[in-house]
Amino acid sequence: MAVLPRGVRKRGGTVVAFDPEQIRRAIHRAAVEAGVLNPGVTGKAAHRVVDQIAVRFDGQTPTVEQVPDRQLACTPVESPHSLRR
């Protein structure tokens, strides 16, 4: 089973704790901005992204650049019609 990273290396080189909640909040903000009003779907998308991060990094410490963009771009989401209220 894949293991979540314990930390993420920031641009300045410091390592901070990996926080899946930050990913959920980022996806929620992006969804609201895009007019997606279904929190259940954004929660599922966040769960998928966190799972993909665990598989990709398997306990290693990624940089902040490695985590968000590629993970979000590669995460399938349900049809756009299911995302709206």
PDB file of N, CA and C in Angstrom:
ATOM      1  N   MET A   1       0.834  -1.177   0.000  1.00  0.00           N
ATOM      2  CA  MET A   1       0.000   0.000   0.000  1.00  0.00           C
ATOM      3  C   MET A   1       0.887   1.252   0.000  1.00  0.00           C
ATOM      4  N   ALA A   2       0.518   2.242  -0.778  1.00  0.00           N
ATOM      5  CA  ALA A   2       1.287   3.479  -0.898  1.00  0.00           C
ATOM      6  C   ALA A   2       1.161   4.302   0.389  1.00  0.00           C
ATOM      7  N   VAL A   3       2.196   5.069   0.665  1.00  0.00           N
ATOM      8  CA  VAL A   3       2.261   5.862   1.890  1.00  0.00           C
ATOM      9  C   VAL A   3       2.304   7.346   1.534  1.00  0.00           C
ATOM     10  N   LEU A   4       1.521   8.135   2.238  1.00  0.00           N
ATOM     11  CA  LEU A   4       1.541   9.587   2.024  1.00  0.00           C
ATOM     12  C   LEU A   4       2.890  10.160   2.455  1.00  0.00           C
ATOM     13  N   PRO A   5       3.315  11.234   1.805  1.00  0.00           N
ATOM     14  CA  PRO A   5       4.536  11.898   2.258  1.00  0.00           C
ATOM     15  C   PRO A   5       4.324  12.465   3.660  1.00  0.00           C
ATOM     16  N   ARG A   6       5.365  12.472   4.457  1.00  0.00           N
ATOM     17  CA  ARG A   6       5.263  13.103   5.782  1.00  0.00           C
ATOM     18  C   ARG A   6       5.387  14.609   5.663  1.00  0.00           C
ATOM     19  N   GLY A   7       6.081  15.052   4.614  1.00  0.00           N
ATOM     20  CA  GLY A   7       6.313  16.470   4.454  1.00  0.00           C
ATOM     21  C   GLY A   7       6.402  16.865   2.994  1.00  0.00           C
ATOM     22  N   VAL A   8       6.461  18.175   2.784  1.00  0.00           N
ATOM     23  CA  VAL A   8       6.623  18.762   1.454  1.00  0.00           C
ATOM     24  C   VAL A   8       7.736  19.800   1.559  1.00  0.00           C
ATOM     25  N   ARG A   9       8.680  19.744   0.617  1.00  0.00           N
ATOM     26  CA  ARG A   9       9.796  20.695   0.628  1.00  0.00           C
ATOM     27  C   ARG A   9       9.346  21.989  -0.046  1.00  0.00           C
ATOM     28  N   LYS A  10       9.407  23.086   0.716  1.00  0.00           N
ATOM     29  CA  LYS A  10       9.026  24.391   0.181  1.00  0.00           C
ATOM     30  C   LYS A  10      10.143  24.952  -0.685  1.00  0.00           C
ATOM     31  N   ARG A  11       9.841  26.024  -1.401  1.00  0.00           N
ATOM     32  CA  ARG A  11      10.810  26.618  -2.321  1.00  0.00           C
ATOM     33  C   ARG A  11      12.094  27.035  -1.621  1.00  0.00           C
ATOM     34  N   GLY A  12      12.009  27.462  -0.378  1.00  0.00           N
ATOM     35  CA  GLY A  12      13.189  27.885   0.378  1.00  0.00           C
ATOM     36  C   GLY A  12      13.998  26.733   0.943  1.00  0.00           C
ATOM     37  N   GLY A  13      13.501  25.505   0.761  1.00  0.00           N
ATOM     38  CA  GLY A  13      14.233  24.338   1.226  1.00  0.00           C
ATOM     39  C   GLY A  13      13.728  23.740   2.521  1.00  0.00           C
ATOM     40  N   THR A  14      12.899  24.474   3.254  1.00  0.00           N
ATOM     41  CA  THR A  14      12.361  23.921   4.497  1.00  0.00           C
ATOM     42  C   THR A  14      11.303  22.866   4.185  1.00  0.00           C
ATOM     43  N   VAL A  15      11.136  21.939   5.100  1.00  0.00           N
ATOM     44  CA  VAL A  15      10.132  20.891   4.933  1.00  0.00           C
ATOM     45  C   VAL A  15       9.013  21.141   5.935  1.00  0.00           C
ATOM     46  N   VAL A  16       7.787  21.179   5.429  1.00  0.00           N
ATOM     47  CA  VAL A  16       6.611  21.355   6.280  1.00  0.00           C
ATOM     48  C   VAL A  16       5.778  20.075   6.211  1.00  0.00           C
ATOM     49  N   ALA A  17       4.939  19.869   7.195  1.00  0.00           N
ATOM     50  CA  ALA A  17       4.090  18.676   7.237  1.00  0.00           C
ATOM     51  C   ALA A  17       3.162  18.642   6.024  1.00  0.00           C
ATOM     52  N   PHE A  18       2.986  17.449   5.464  1.00  0.00           N
ATOM     53  CA  PHE A  18       2.031  17.266   4.371  1.00  0.00           C
ATOM     54  C   PHE A  18       0.633  17.356   4.961  1.00  0.00           C
ATOM     55  N   ASP A  19      -0.223  18.187   4.372  1.00  0.00           N
ATOM     56  CA  ASP A  19      -1.568  18.407   4.895  1.00  0.00           C
ATOM     57  C   ASP A  19      -2.597  18.197   3.790  1.00  0.00           C
ATOM     58  N   PRO A  20      -3.254  17.025   3.751  1.00  0.00           N
ATOM     59  CA  PRO A  20      -4.263  16.765   2.724  1.00  0.00           C
ATOM     60  C   PRO A  20      -5.403  17.795   2.723  1.00  0.00           C
ATOM     61  N   GLU A  21      -5.642  18.407   3.857  1.00  0.00           N
ATOM     62  CA  GLU A  21      -6.708  19.415   3.942  1.00  0.00           C
ATOM     63  C   GLU A  21      -6.401  20.613   3.047  1.00  0.00           C
ATOM     64  N   GLN A  22      -5.138  20.958   2.875  1.00  0.00           N
ATOM     65  CA  GLN A  22      -4.778  22.067   1.991  1.00  0.00           C
ATOM     66  C   GLN A  22      -5.171  21.744   0.550  1.00  0.00           C
ATOM     67  N   ILE A  23      -5.039  20.501   0.162  1.00  0.00           N
ATOM     68  CA  ILE A  23      -5.420  20.082  -1.188  1.00  0.00           C
ATOM     69  C   ILE A  23      -6.929  20.186  -1.340  1.00  0.00           C
ATOM     70  N   ARG A  24      -7.663  19.725  -0.334  1.00  0.00           N
ATOM     71  CA  ARG A  24      -9.121  19.801  -0.399  1.00  0.00           C
ATOM     72  C   ARG A  24      -9.577  21.259  -0.513  1.00  0.00           C
ATOM     73  N   ARG A  25      -8.972  22.142   0.282  1.00  0.00           N
ATOM     74  CA  ARG A  25      -9.355  23.562   0.227  1.00  0.00           C
ATOM     75  C   ARG A  25      -9.043  24.167  -1.136  1.00  0.00           C
ATOM     76  N   ALA A  26      -7.892  23.826  -1.708  1.00  0.00           N
ATOM     77  CA  ALA A  26      -7.518  24.356  -3.026  1.00  0.00           C
ATOM     78  C   ALA A  26      -8.496  23.887  -4.101  1.00  0.00           C
ATOM     79  N   ILE A  27      -8.865  22.618  -4.059  1.00  0.00           N
ATOM     80  CA  ILE A  27      -9.829  22.095  -5.036  1.00  0.00           C
ATOM     81  C   ILE A  27     -11.185  22.752  -4.830  1.00  0.00           C
ATOM     82  N   HIS A  28     -11.577  22.942  -3.586  1.00  0.00           N
ATOM     83  CA  HIS A  28     -12.866  23.591  -3.302  1.00  0.00           C
ATOM     84  C   HIS A  28     -12.877  25.026  -3.842  1.00  0.00           C
ATOM     85  N   ARG A  29     -11.794  25.773  -3.593  1.00  0.00           N
ATOM     86  CA  ARG A  29     -11.730  27.162  -4.093  1.00  0.00           C
ATOM     87  C   ARG A  29     -11.811  27.193  -5.615  1.00  0.00           C
ATOM     88  N   ALA A  30     -11.083  26.292  -6.269  1.00  0.00           N
ATOM     89  CA  ALA A  30     -11.108  26.244  -7.729  1.00  0.00           C
ATOM     90  C   ALA A  30     -12.494  25.858  -8.235  1.00  0.00           C
ATOM     91  N   ALA A  31     -13.144  24.933  -7.559  1.00  0.00           N
ATOM     92  CA  ALA A  31     -14.480  24.495  -7.966  1.00  0.00           C
ATOM     93  C   ALA A  31     -15.491  25.627  -7.824  1.00  0.00           C
ATOM     94  N   VAL A  32     -15.432  26.337  -6.718  1.00  0.00           N
ATOM     95  CA  VAL A  32     -16.342  27.471  -6.503  1.00  0.00           C
ATOM     96  C   VAL A  32     -16.115  28.517  -7.586  1.00  0.00           C
ATOM     97  N   GLU A  33     -14.857  28.789  -7.882  1.00  0.00           N
ATOM     98  CA  GLU A  33     -14.521  29.762  -8.931  1.00  0.00           C
ATOM     99  C   GLU A  33     -15.079  29.331 -10.291  1.00  0.00           C
ATOM    100  N   ALA A  34     -15.124  28.026 -10.520  1.00  0.00           N
ATOM    101  CA  ALA A  34     -15.623  27.489 -11.790  1.00  0.00           C
ATOM    102  C   ALA A  34     -17.140  27.276 -11.773  1.00  0.00           C
ATOM    103  N   GLY A  35     -17.779  27.581 -10.651  1.00  0.00           N
ATOM    104  CA  GLY A  35     -19.222  27.426 -10.566  1.00  0.00           C
ATOM    105  C   GLY A  35     -19.680  26.036 -10.155  1.00  0.00           C
ATOM    106  N   VAL A  36     -18.776  25.226  -9.664  1.00  0.00           N
ATOM    107  CA  VAL A  36     -19.123  23.880  -9.202  1.00  0.00           C
ATOM    108  C   VAL A  36     -19.580  23.989  -7.757  1.00  0.00           C
ATOM    109  N   LEU A  37     -20.826  23.604  -7.520  1.00  0.00           N
ATOM    110  CA  LEU A  37     -21.395  23.826  -6.193  1.00  0.00           C
ATOM    111  C   LEU A  37     -21.704  22.534  -5.458  1.00  0.00           C
ATOM    112  N   ASN A  38     -21.101  21.440  -5.861  1.00  0.00           N
ATOM    113  CA  ASN A  38     -21.364  20.150  -5.245  1.00  0.00           C
ATOM    114  C   ASN A  38     -20.169  19.749  -4.380  1.00  0.00           C
ATOM    115  N   PRO A  39     -20.241  19.978  -3.054  1.00  0.00           N
ATOM    116  CA  PRO A  39     -19.089  19.676  -2.200  1.00  0.00           C
ATOM    117  C   PRO A  39     -18.728  18.197  -2.171  1.00  0.00           C
ATOM    118  N   GLY A  40     -19.683  17.323  -2.412  1.00  0.00           N
ATOM    119  CA  GLY A  40     -19.389  15.894  -2.438  1.00  0.00           C
ATOM    120  C   GLY A  40     -18.431  15.542  -3.560  1.00  0.00           C
ATOM    121  N   VAL A  41     -18.622  16.162  -4.710  1.00  0.00           N
ATOM    122  CA  VAL A  41     -17.758  15.890  -5.858  1.00  0.00           C
ATOM    123  C   VAL A  41     -16.365  16.466  -5.621  1.00  0.00           C
ATOM    124  N   THR A  42     -16.281  17.667  -5.068  1.00  0.00           N
ATOM    125  CA  THR A  42     -14.956  18.229  -4.810  1.00  0.00           C
ATOM    126  C   THR A  42     -14.230  17.415  -3.744  1.00  0.00           C
ATOM    127  N   GLY A  43     -14.964  16.882  -2.793  1.00  0.00           N
ATOM    128  CA  GLY A  43     -14.352  16.015  -1.786  1.00  0.00           C
ATOM    129  C   GLY A  43     -13.803  14.741  -2.401  1.00  0.00           C
ATOM    130  N   LYS A  44     -14.551  14.160  -3.343  1.00  0.00           N
ATOM    131  CA  LYS A  44     -14.082  12.955  -4.036  1.00  0.00           C
ATOM    132  C   LYS A  44     -12.832  13.258  -4.853  1.00  0.00           C
ATOM    133  N   ALA A  45     -12.830  14.406  -5.524  1.00  0.00           N
ATOM    134  CA  ALA A  45     -11.660  14.790  -6.326  1.00  0.00           C
ATOM    135  C   ALA A  45     -10.442  14.963  -5.421  1.00  0.00           C
ATOM    136  N   ALA A  46     -10.629  15.589  -4.271  1.00  0.00           N
ATOM    137  CA  ALA A  46      -9.516  15.774  -3.333  1.00  0.00           C
ATOM    138  C   ALA A  46      -8.997  14.428  -2.847  1.00  0.00           C
ATOM    139  N   HIS A  47      -9.894  13.507  -2.569  1.00  0.00           N
ATOM    140  CA  HIS A  47      -9.499  12.173  -2.110  1.00  0.00           C
ATOM    141  C   HIS A  47      -8.669  11.469  -3.194  1.00  0.00           C
ATOM    142  N   ARG A  48      -9.099  11.593  -4.449  1.00  0.00           N
ATOM    143  CA  ARG A  48      -8.355  10.984  -5.557  1.00  0.00           C
ATOM    144  C   ARG A  48      -6.956  11.577  -5.678  1.00  0.00           C
ATOM    145  N   VAL A  49      -6.860  12.900  -5.549  1.00  0.00           N
ATOM    146  CA  VAL A  49      -5.562  13.562  -5.662  1.00  0.00           C
ATOM    147  C   VAL A  49      -4.630  13.088  -4.552  1.00  0.00           C
ATOM    148  N   VAL A  50      -5.138  13.022  -3.324  1.00  0.00           N
ATOM    149  CA  VAL A  50      -4.316  12.568  -2.200  1.00  0.00           C
ATOM    150  C   VAL A  50      -3.873  11.124  -2.425  1.00  0.00           C
ATOM    151  N   ASP A  51      -4.773  10.281  -2.916  1.00  0.00           N
ATOM    152  CA  ASP A  51      -4.396   8.893  -3.228  1.00  0.00           C
ATOM    153  C   ASP A  51      -3.295   8.836  -4.285  1.00  0.00           C
ATOM    154  N   GLN A  52      -3.408   9.681  -5.319  1.00  0.00           N
ATOM    155  CA  GLN A  52      -2.401   9.704  -6.379  1.00  0.00           C
ATOM    156  C   GLN A  52      -1.047  10.194  -5.851  1.00  0.00           C
ATOM    157  N   ILE A  53      -1.078  11.146  -4.942  1.00  0.00           N
ATOM    158  CA  ILE A  53       0.160  11.636  -4.342  1.00  0.00           C
ATOM    159  C   ILE A  53       0.833  10.511  -3.555  1.00  0.00           C
ATOM    160  N   ALA A  54       0.026   9.758  -2.812  1.00  0.00           N
ATOM    161  CA  ALA A  54       0.583   8.630  -2.047  1.00  0.00           C
ATOM    162  C   ALA A  54       1.245   7.629  -2.981  1.00  0.00           C
ATOM    163  N   VAL A  55       0.597   7.308  -4.087  1.00  0.00           N
ATOM    164  CA  VAL A  55       1.153   6.336  -5.031  1.00  0.00           C
ATOM    165  C   VAL A  55       2.412   6.893  -5.693  1.00  0.00           C
ATOM    166  N   ARG A  56       2.342   8.132  -6.119  1.00  0.00           N
ATOM    167  CA  ARG A  56       3.474   8.711  -6.861  1.00  0.00           C
ATOM    168  C   ARG A  56       4.722   8.874  -5.997  1.00  0.00           C
ATOM    169  N   PHE A  57       4.545   9.338  -4.758  1.00  0.00           N
ATOM    170  CA  PHE A  57       5.701   9.655  -3.931  1.00  0.00           C
ATOM    171  C   PHE A  57       6.002   8.587  -2.881  1.00  0.00           C
ATOM    172  N   ASP A  58       5.060   7.758  -2.557  1.00  0.00           N
ATOM    173  CA  ASP A  58       5.211   6.611  -1.646  1.00  0.00           C
ATOM    174  C   ASP A  58       6.152   6.892  -0.475  1.00  0.00           C
ATOM    175  N   GLY A  59       5.779   7.886   0.320  1.00  0.00           N
ATOM    176  CA  GLY A  59       6.529   8.200   1.530  1.00  0.00           C
ATOM    177  C   GLY A  59       7.696   9.140   1.328  1.00  0.00           C
ATOM    178  N   GLN A  60       8.063   9.438   0.078  1.00  0.00           N
ATOM    179  CA  GLN A  60       9.157  10.375  -0.190  1.00  0.00           C
ATOM    180  C   GLN A  60       8.661  11.807  -0.002  1.00  0.00           C
ATOM    181  N   THR A  61       9.577  12.746   0.072  1.00  0.00           N
ATOM    182  CA  THR A  61       9.234  14.155   0.280  1.00  0.00           C
ATOM    183  C   THR A  61       9.265  14.897  -1.048  1.00  0.00           C
ATOM    184  N   PRO A  62       8.094  15.235  -1.604  1.00  0.00           N
ATOM    185  CA  PRO A  62       8.070  16.005  -2.853  1.00  0.00           C
ATOM    186  C   PRO A  62       8.300  17.488  -2.590  1.00  0.00           C
ATOM    187  N   THR A  63       8.568  18.232  -3.650  1.00  0.00           N
ATOM    188  CA  THR A  63       8.634  19.687  -3.542  1.00  0.00           C
ATOM    189  C   THR A  63       7.232  20.240  -3.798  1.00  0.00           C
ATOM    190  N   VAL A  64       7.011  21.479  -3.404  1.00  0.00           N
ATOM    191  CA  VAL A  64       5.703  22.083  -3.639  1.00  0.00           C
ATOM    192  C   VAL A  64       5.385  22.142  -5.130  1.00  0.00           C
ATOM    193  N   GLU A  65       6.403  22.253  -5.971  1.00  0.00           N
ATOM    194  CA  GLU A  65       6.165  22.290  -7.407  1.00  0.00           C
ATOM    195  C   GLU A  65       5.715  20.935  -7.952  1.00  0.00           C
ATOM    196  N   GLN A  66       6.133  19.865  -7.320  1.00  0.00           N
ATOM    197  CA  GLN A  66       5.792  18.533  -7.806  1.00  0.00           C
ATOM    198  C   GLN A  66       4.363  18.129  -7.479  1.00  0.00           C
ATOM    199  N   VAL A  67       3.789  18.682  -6.463  1.00  0.00           N
ATOM    200  CA  VAL A  67       2.496  18.192  -5.988  1.00  0.00           C
ATOM    201  C   VAL A  67       1.291  18.709  -6.755  1.00  0.00           C
ATOM    202  N   PRO A  68       0.969  19.989  -6.763  1.00  0.00           N
ATOM    203  CA  PRO A  68      -0.380  20.378  -7.166  1.00  0.00           C
ATOM    204  C   PRO A  68      -0.741  20.286  -8.638  1.00  0.00           C
ATOM    205  N   ASP A  69      -0.012  20.960  -9.493  1.00  0.00           N
ATOM    206  CA  ASP A  69      -0.475  21.119 -10.869  1.00  0.00           C
ATOM    207  C   ASP A  69      -0.624  19.801 -11.616  1.00  0.00           C
ATOM    208  N   ARG A  70       0.409  18.988 -11.590  1.00  0.00           N
ATOM    209  CA  ARG A  70       0.329  17.726 -12.319  1.00  0.00           C
ATOM    210  C   ARG A  70      -0.743  16.817 -11.737  1.00  0.00           C
ATOM    211  N   GLN A  71      -0.850  16.794 -10.430  1.00  0.00           N
ATOM    212  CA  GLN A  71      -1.845  15.925  -9.807  1.00  0.00           C
ATOM    213  C   GLN A  71      -3.259  16.363 -10.191  1.00  0.00           C
ATOM    214  N   LEU A  72      -3.510  17.654 -10.128  1.00  0.00           N
ATOM    215  CA  LEU A  72      -4.861  18.143 -10.440  1.00  0.00           C
ATOM    216  C   LEU A  72      -5.178  17.965 -11.914  1.00  0.00           C
ATOM    217  N   ALA A  73      -4.201  18.181 -12.762  1.00  0.00           N
ATOM    218  CA  ALA A  73      -4.435  18.070 -14.199  1.00  0.00           C
ATOM    219  C   ALA A  73      -4.723  16.635 -14.610  1.00  0.00           C
ATOM    220  N   CYS A  74      -4.218  15.682 -13.864  1.00  0.00           N
ATOM    221  CA  CYS A  74      -4.383  14.269 -14.225  1.00  0.00           C
ATOM    222  C   CYS A  74      -5.507  13.585 -13.474  1.00  0.00           C
ATOM    223  N   THR A  75      -6.233  14.318 -12.657  1.00  0.00           N
ATOM    224  CA  THR A  75      -7.291  13.710 -11.856  1.00  0.00           C
ATOM    225  C   THR A  75      -8.617  13.787 -12.585  1.00  0.00           C
ATOM    226  N   PRO A  76      -9.164  12.642 -12.982  1.00  0.00           N
ATOM    227  CA  PRO A  76     -10.458  12.687 -13.663  1.00  0.00           C
ATOM    228  C   PRO A  76     -11.554  13.101 -12.701  1.00  0.00           C
ATOM    229  N   VAL A  77     -12.466  13.869 -13.203  1.00  0.00           N
ATOM    230  CA  VAL A  77     -13.617  14.302 -12.420  1.00  0.00           C
ATOM    231  C   VAL A  77     -14.847  13.843 -13.161  1.00  0.00           C
ATOM    232  N   GLU A  78     -15.907  13.653 -12.431  1.00  0.00           N
ATOM    233  CA  GLU A  78     -17.147  13.220 -13.058  1.00  0.00           C
ATOM    234  C   GLU A  78     -17.581  14.238 -14.094  1.00  0.00           C
ATOM    235  N   SER A  79     -18.586  13.872 -14.891  1.00  0.00           N
ATOM    236  CA  SER A  79     -19.021  14.759 -15.964  1.00  0.00           C
ATOM    237  C   SER A  79     -19.386  16.143 -15.426  1.00  0.00           C
ATOM    238  N   PRO A  80     -19.166  17.167 -16.229  1.00  0.00           N
ATOM    239  CA  PRO A  80     -19.461  18.533 -15.764  1.00  0.00           C
ATOM    240  C   PRO A  80     -20.885  18.699 -15.285  1.00  0.00           C
ATOM    241  N   HIS A  81     -21.821  17.943 -15.848  1.00  0.00           N
ATOM    242  CA  HIS A  81     -23.219  18.075 -15.447  1.00  0.00           C
ATOM    243  C   HIS A  81     -23.435  17.595 -14.023  1.00  0.00           C
ATOM    244  N   SER A  82     -22.655  16.629 -13.570  1.00  0.00           N
ATOM    245  CA  SER A  82     -22.823  16.125 -12.206  1.00  0.00           C
ATOM    246  C   SER A  82     -22.186  17.046 -11.190  1.00  0.00           C
ATOM    247  N   LEU A  83     -21.367  18.003 -11.640  1.00  0.00           N
ATOM    248  CA  LEU A  83     -20.686  18.890 -10.731  1.00  0.00           C
ATOM    249  C   LEU A  83     -21.545  20.062 -10.300  1.00  0.00           C
ATOM    250  N   ARG A  84     -22.496  20.394 -11.081  1.00  0.00           N
ATOM    251  CA  ARG A  84     -23.309  21.579 -10.767  1.00  0.00           C
ATOM    252  C   ARG A  84     -24.453  21.210  -9.839  1.00  0.00           C
ATOM    253  N   ARG A  85     -24.998  22.216  -9.208  1.00  0.00           N
ATOM    254  CA  ARG A  85     -26.087  22.011  -8.263  1.00  0.00           C
ATOM    255  C   ARG A  85     -27.278  21.399  -8.896  1.00  0.00           C
TER     256      ARG A  85
END
